[in-house]
Amino acid sequence: MESFFFDNGLALLRTLVIGLLAYVAMILFLRISGRRTLSKMNAFDLVVTVSLGSTLATILLSKDVTLAQGCLAFALLIGMQYAVTWTSVRVPWVRKAVTGEPLMLVYQGAMLHQALLHSRVTEDEIHAATRAQGLGTLSEVEAVVLETDGSFSVVKRSNTGALTSSLQGVKRLGPQ
């Protein structure tokens, strides 16, 4: 029963030393890769983040993985993320493939039901997003956009009635 809770001091020391060094290495790699790695996450960024966490756990708990192997895995994941984001900034089809595109859910106060169904968003979620912006009715809303990171952007209706430039490039489904 004793080995169930404590095997030996060497295993604890290994976990402590490798854990500290792996953590420092991961922080250094993240700092070198730039702010984009730590920005709001889209699906691609989430996968990289989960992979980094899984790699750190493996380094900490598996005696079969050396610190050098773990650091190489960190560098590979962060390097791939850097290469994909660098390319997505420069090549539009890569950006669309990696991050998707924002989707308009409400336009000029009207719910776009086809877009809501497509994105699996409920009307209650739309109302919550507009309330969070201090708006009482949808008639005060020019647009609600589902952003690529899963957040909602609410654009208030303007007095001029002109299409807001921030809505350029937003995908629309259903009636225009």
C-alpha atoms as a PDB file:
ATOM      1  CA  MET A   1       0.000   0.000   0.000  1.00  0.00           C
ATOM      2  CA  GLU A   2       2.952   2.311   0.629  1.00  0.00           C
ATOM      3  CA  SER A   3       3.989   2.325  -3.086  1.00  0.00           C
ATOM      4  CA  PHE A   4       0.459   3.405  -3.982  1.00  0.00           C
ATOM      5  CA  PHE A   5       1.098   6.865  -2.503  1.00  0.00           C
ATOM      6  CA  PHE A   6       4.887   7.121  -2.632  1.00  0.00           C
ATOM      7  CA  ASP A   7       7.267   5.086  -4.767  1.00  0.00           C
ATOM      8  CA  ASN A   8      10.644   6.701  -4.198  1.00  0.00           C
ATOM      9  CA  GLY A   9      12.283  10.047  -3.714  1.00  0.00           C
ATOM     10  CA  LEU A  10      14.139   9.882  -7.023  1.00  0.00           C
ATOM     11  CA  ALA A  11      10.862   9.813  -8.987  1.00  0.00           C
ATOM     12  CA  LEU A  12       9.635  12.881  -7.095  1.00  0.00           C
ATOM     13  CA  LEU A  13      12.935  14.683  -7.669  1.00  0.00           C
ATOM     14  CA  ARG A  14      12.768  13.859 -11.414  1.00  0.00           C
ATOM     15  CA  THR A  15       9.236  15.252 -11.642  1.00  0.00           C
ATOM     16  CA  LEU A  16      10.295  18.412  -9.813  1.00  0.00           C
ATOM     17  CA  VAL A  17      13.418  19.084 -11.891  1.00  0.00           C
ATOM     18  CA  ILE A  18      11.934  18.102 -15.266  1.00  0.00           C
ATOM     19  CA  GLY A  19       8.735  20.005 -14.467  1.00  0.00           C
ATOM     20  CA  LEU A  20      10.593  23.228 -13.687  1.00  0.00           C
ATOM     21  CA  LEU A  21      12.847  22.956 -16.733  1.00  0.00           C
ATOM     22  CA  ALA A  22      10.010  21.996 -19.105  1.00  0.00           C
ATOM     23  CA  TYR A  23       7.873  24.863 -17.828  1.00  0.00           C
ATOM     24  CA  VAL A  24      10.703  27.360 -18.337  1.00  0.00           C
ATOM     25  CA  ALA A  25      11.363  25.955 -21.823  1.00  0.00           C
ATOM     26  CA  MET A  26       7.699  26.246 -22.785  1.00  0.00           C
ATOM     27  CA  ILE A  27       7.526  29.861 -21.561  1.00  0.00           C
ATOM     28  CA  LEU A  28      10.694  30.732 -23.501  1.00  0.00           C
ATOM     29  CA  PHE A  29       9.356  29.155 -26.686  1.00  0.00           C
ATOM     30  CA  LEU A  30       6.035  30.972 -26.301  1.00  0.00           C
ATOM     31  CA  ARG A  31       7.781  34.305 -25.749  1.00  0.00           C
ATOM     32  CA  ILE A  32      10.003  33.769 -28.789  1.00  0.00           C
ATOM     33  CA  SER A  33       7.030  32.843 -30.987  1.00  0.00           C
ATOM     34  CA  GLY A  34       5.315  36.171 -30.324  1.00  0.00           C
ATOM     35  CA  ARG A  35       2.031  37.501 -29.026  1.00  0.00           C
ATOM     36  CA  ARG A  36      -0.061  35.769 -31.675  1.00  0.00           C
ATOM     37  CA  THR A  37       0.514  32.420 -29.959  1.00  0.00           C
ATOM     38  CA  LEU A  38      -1.104  33.769 -26.787  1.00  0.00           C
ATOM     39  CA  SER A  39      -3.933  35.764 -28.394  1.00  0.00           C
ATOM     40  CA  LYS A  40      -7.642  34.976 -28.411  1.00  0.00           C
ATOM     41  CA  MET A  41      -8.040  31.465 -29.626  1.00  0.00           C
ATOM     42  CA  ASN A  42      -9.690  30.117 -32.715  1.00  0.00           C
ATOM     43  CA  ALA A  43     -10.013  26.366 -33.267  1.00  0.00           C
ATOM     44  CA  PHE A  44      -6.457  26.019 -34.576  1.00  0.00           C
ATOM     45  CA  ASP A  45      -4.998  27.874 -31.582  1.00  0.00           C
ATOM     46  CA  LEU A  46      -7.028  25.719 -29.200  1.00  0.00           C
ATOM     47  CA  VAL A  47      -5.578  22.543 -30.727  1.00  0.00           C
ATOM     48  CA  VAL A  48      -2.036  23.888 -30.337  1.00  0.00           C
ATOM     49  CA  THR A  49      -2.714  24.929 -26.730  1.00  0.00           C
ATOM     50  CA  VAL A  50      -4.176  21.550 -25.782  1.00  0.00           C
ATOM     51  CA  SER A  51      -1.257  19.826 -27.504  1.00  0.00           C
ATOM     52  CA  LEU A  52       1.229  21.922 -25.540  1.00  0.00           C
ATOM     53  CA  GLY A  53      -0.517  21.022 -22.285  1.00  0.00           C
ATOM     54  CA  SER A  54      -0.561  17.354 -23.192  1.00  0.00           C
ATOM     55  CA  THR A  55       3.119  17.476 -24.088  1.00  0.00           C
ATOM     56  CA  LEU A  56       3.977  19.145 -20.788  1.00  0.00           C
ATOM     57  CA  ALA A  57       2.047  16.484 -18.879  1.00  0.00           C
ATOM     58  CA  THR A  58       3.806  13.719 -20.782  1.00  0.00           C
ATOM     59  CA  ILE A  59       7.222  15.242 -20.071  1.00  0.00           C
ATOM     60  CA  LEU A  60       6.363  15.522 -16.386  1.00  0.00           C
ATOM     61  CA  LEU A  61       4.905  12.079 -15.854  1.00  0.00           C
ATOM     62  CA  SER A  62       6.524   9.732 -18.368  1.00  0.00           C
ATOM     63  CA  LYS A  63       9.969   8.411 -17.622  1.00  0.00           C
ATOM     64  CA  ASP A  64      10.191   7.340 -21.265  1.00  0.00           C
ATOM     65  CA  VAL A  65      10.261  10.959 -22.512  1.00  0.00           C
ATOM     66  CA  THR A  66      13.415  12.983 -21.945  1.00  0.00           C
ATOM     67  CA  LEU A  67      13.507  16.733 -21.418  1.00  0.00           C
ATOM     68  CA  ALA A  68      15.233  17.139 -24.798  1.00  0.00           C
ATOM     69  CA  GLN A  69      12.449  15.209 -26.549  1.00  0.00           C
ATOM     70  CA  GLY A  70       9.838  17.315 -24.772  1.00  0.00           C
ATOM     71  CA  CYS A  71      11.549  20.580 -25.705  1.00  0.00           C
ATOM     72  CA  LEU A  72      11.763  19.400 -29.318  1.00  0.00           C
ATOM     73  CA  ALA A  73       8.019  18.645 -29.202  1.00  0.00           C
ATOM     74  CA  PHE A  74       7.343  22.164 -27.805  1.00  0.00           C
ATOM     75  CA  ALA A  75       9.488  23.717 -30.531  1.00  0.00           C
ATOM     76  CA  LEU A  76       7.783  21.637 -33.227  1.00  0.00           C
ATOM     77  CA  LEU A  77       4.246  22.556 -32.098  1.00  0.00           C
ATOM     78  CA  ILE A  78       5.031  26.243 -31.672  1.00  0.00           C
ATOM     79  CA  GLY A  79       7.026  26.311 -34.911  1.00  0.00           C
ATOM     80  CA  MET A  80       4.135  24.757 -36.829  1.00  0.00           C
ATOM     81  CA  GLN A  81       1.735  27.245 -35.263  1.00  0.00           C
ATOM     82  CA  TYR A  82       4.061  30.110 -36.223  1.00  0.00           C
ATOM     83  CA  ALA A  83       4.384  28.837 -39.820  1.00  0.00           C
ATOM     84  CA  VAL A  84       0.625  28.438 -40.243  1.00  0.00           C
ATOM     85  CA  THR A  85      -0.168  31.868 -38.773  1.00  0.00           C
ATOM     86  CA  TRP A  86       2.627  33.518 -40.805  1.00  0.00           C
ATOM     87  CA  THR A  87       1.175  31.930 -43.960  1.00  0.00           C
ATOM     88  CA  SER A  88      -2.422  32.752 -43.038  1.00  0.00           C
ATOM     89  CA  VAL A  89      -1.569  36.444 -42.747  1.00  0.00           C
ATOM     90  CA  ARG A  90      -0.173  36.377 -46.279  1.00  0.00           C
ATOM     91  CA  VAL A  91      -2.400  33.864 -48.117  1.00  0.00           C
ATOM     92  CA  PRO A  92      -6.178  34.446 -47.857  1.00  0.00           C
ATOM     93  CA  TRP A  93      -7.262  30.852 -48.602  1.00  0.00           C
ATOM     94  CA  VAL A  94      -4.961  29.558 -45.843  1.00  0.00           C
ATOM     95  CA  ARG A  95      -6.448  32.088 -43.397  1.00  0.00           C
ATOM     96  CA  LYS A  96      -9.954  30.968 -44.339  1.00  0.00           C
ATOM     97  CA  ALA A  97      -9.033  27.283 -43.983  1.00  0.00           C
ATOM     98  CA  VAL A  98      -7.354  27.745 -40.604  1.00  0.00           C
ATOM     99  CA  THR A  99      -9.567  30.299 -38.872  1.00  0.00           C
ATOM    100  CA  GLY A 100     -12.802  30.184 -40.841  1.00  0.00           C
ATOM    101  CA  GLU A 101     -14.676  33.387 -41.446  1.00  0.00           C
ATOM    102  CA  PRO A 102     -17.022  35.510 -39.368  1.00  0.00           C
ATOM    103  CA  LEU A 103     -20.724  34.847 -39.914  1.00  0.00           C
ATOM    104  CA  MET A 104     -23.521  37.394 -39.720  1.00  0.00           C
ATOM    105  CA  LEU A 105     -26.380  36.189 -37.493  1.00  0.00           C
ATOM    106  CA  VAL A 106     -28.497  39.356 -37.316  1.00  0.00           C
ATOM    107  CA  TYR A 107     -28.723  42.039 -39.983  1.00  0.00           C
ATOM    108  CA  GLN A 108     -30.626  45.319 -39.607  1.00  0.00           C
ATOM    109  CA  GLY A 109     -32.502  44.039 -36.585  1.00  0.00           C
ATOM    110  CA  ALA A 110     -33.640  40.775 -38.191  1.00  0.00           C
ATOM    111  CA  MET A 111     -32.433  37.323 -37.173  1.00  0.00           C
ATOM    112  CA  LEU A 112     -30.924  35.337 -40.031  1.00  0.00           C
ATOM    113  CA  HIS A 113     -32.412  31.965 -39.104  1.00  0.00           C
ATOM    114  CA  GLN A 114     -30.478  29.971 -41.689  1.00  0.00           C
ATOM    115  CA  ALA A 115     -27.228  31.362 -40.262  1.00  0.00           C
ATOM    116  CA  LEU A 116     -28.360  30.615 -36.697  1.00  0.00           C
ATOM    117  CA  LEU A 117     -29.093  26.995 -37.634  1.00  0.00           C
ATOM    118  CA  HIS A 118     -25.842  26.656 -39.560  1.00  0.00           C
ATOM    119  CA  SER A 119     -23.777  27.938 -36.621  1.00  0.00           C
ATOM    120  CA  ARG A 120     -25.888  26.201 -33.919  1.00  0.00           C
ATOM    121  CA  VAL A 121     -26.608  29.476 -32.119  1.00  0.00           C
ATOM    122  CA  THR A 122     -29.909  30.089 -30.342  1.00  0.00           C
ATOM    123  CA  GLU A 123     -31.959  33.260 -30.364  1.00  0.00           C
ATOM    124  CA  ASP A 124     -31.433  33.421 -26.583  1.00  0.00           C
ATOM    125  CA  GLU A 125     -27.681  33.676 -27.132  1.00  0.00           C
ATOM    126  CA  ILE A 126     -28.241  36.555 -29.561  1.00  0.00           C
ATOM    127  CA  HIS A 127     -30.441  38.364 -27.053  1.00  0.00           C
ATOM    128  CA  ALA A 128     -27.824  37.837 -24.335  1.00  0.00           C
ATOM    129  CA  ALA A 129     -25.107  39.319 -26.573  1.00  0.00           C
ATOM    130  CA  THR A 130     -27.215  42.383 -27.371  1.00  0.00           C
ATOM    131  CA  ARG A 131     -28.130  42.878 -23.700  1.00  0.00           C
ATOM    132  CA  ALA A 132     -24.444  42.698 -22.808  1.00  0.00           C
ATOM    133  CA  GLN A 133     -23.961  45.697 -25.117  1.00  0.00           C
ATOM    134  CA  GLY A 134     -26.731  47.617 -23.359  1.00  0.00           C
ATOM    135  CA  LEU A 135     -29.239  47.278 -26.182  1.00  0.00           C
ATOM    136  CA  GLY A 136     -32.870  46.620 -25.342  1.00  0.00           C
ATOM    137  CA  THR A 137     -34.243  45.526 -28.725  1.00  0.00           C
ATOM    138  CA  LEU A 138     -32.970  44.088 -31.974  1.00  0.00           C
ATOM    139  CA  SER A 139     -34.208  47.204 -33.785  1.00  0.00           C
ATOM    140  CA  GLU A 140     -31.168  48.974 -32.265  1.00  0.00           C
ATOM    141  CA  VAL A 141     -28.839  46.427 -33.881  1.00  0.00           C
ATOM    142  CA  GLU A 142     -27.236  46.769 -37.297  1.00  0.00           C
ATOM    143  CA  ALA A 143     -25.608  43.344 -37.042  1.00  0.00           C
ATOM    144  CA  VAL A 144     -24.537  40.538 -34.752  1.00  0.00           C
ATOM    145  CA  VAL A 145     -21.517  38.627 -36.023  1.00  0.00           C
ATOM    146  CA  LEU A 146     -20.237  35.269 -34.820  1.00  0.00           C
ATOM    147  CA  GLU A 147     -16.471  35.809 -34.881  1.00  0.00           C
ATOM    148  CA  THR A 148     -13.904  33.153 -35.732  1.00  0.00           C
ATOM    149  CA  ASP A 149     -12.965  32.784 -32.049  1.00  0.00           C
ATOM    150  CA  GLY A 150     -16.590  32.012 -31.105  1.00  0.00           C
ATOM    151  CA  SER A 151     -17.375  35.422 -29.610  1.00  0.00           C
ATOM    152  CA  PHE A 152     -20.255  37.671 -30.690  1.00  0.00           C
ATOM    153  CA  SER A 153     -19.706  41.183 -32.016  1.00  0.00           C
ATOM    154  CA  VAL A 154     -22.699  43.486 -31.819  1.00  0.00           C
ATOM    155  CA  VAL A 155     -22.736  46.474 -34.166  1.00  0.00           C
ATOM    156  CA  LYS A 156     -25.164  49.211 -33.190  1.00  0.00           C
ATOM    157  CA  ARG A 157     -27.379  50.658 -35.885  1.00  0.00           C
ATOM    158  CA  SER A 158     -26.059  53.922 -37.284  1.00  0.00           C
ATOM    159  CA  ASN A 159     -28.157  56.984 -38.029  1.00  0.00           C
ATOM    160  CA  THR A 160     -26.958  57.144 -41.647  1.00  0.00           C
ATOM    161  CA  GLY A 161     -28.202  53.687 -42.597  1.00  0.00           C
ATOM    162  CA  ALA A 162     -24.965  52.996 -44.525  1.00  0.00           C
ATOM    163  CA  LEU A 163     -23.312  49.599 -44.287  1.00  0.00           C
ATOM    164  CA  THR A 164     -20.700  49.741 -41.558  1.00  0.00           C
ATOM    165  CA  SER A 165     -17.199  49.157 -42.950  1.00  0.00           C
ATOM    166  CA  SER A 166     -16.459  46.733 -40.115  1.00  0.00           C
ATOM    167  CA  LEU A 167     -18.979  44.349 -41.706  1.00  0.00           C
ATOM    168  CA  GLN A 168     -16.966  44.022 -44.914  1.00  0.00           C
ATOM    169  CA  GLY A 169     -15.865  40.427 -45.441  1.00  0.00           C
ATOM    170  CA  VAL A 170     -18.445  38.936 -43.079  1.00  0.00           C
ATOM    171  CA  LYS A 171     -20.157  35.877 -44.547  1.00  0.00           C
ATOM    172  CA  ARG A 172     -23.932  36.084 -44.878  1.00  0.00           C
ATOM    173  CA  LEU A 173     -26.358  33.188 -45.214  1.00  0.00           C
ATOM    174  CA  GLY A 174     -30.034  33.560 -46.029  1.00  0.00           C
ATOM    175  CA  PRO A 175     -31.845  36.735 -47.120  1.00  0.00           C
ATOM    176  CA  GLN A 176     -29.593  39.721 -47.709  1.00  0.00           C
END
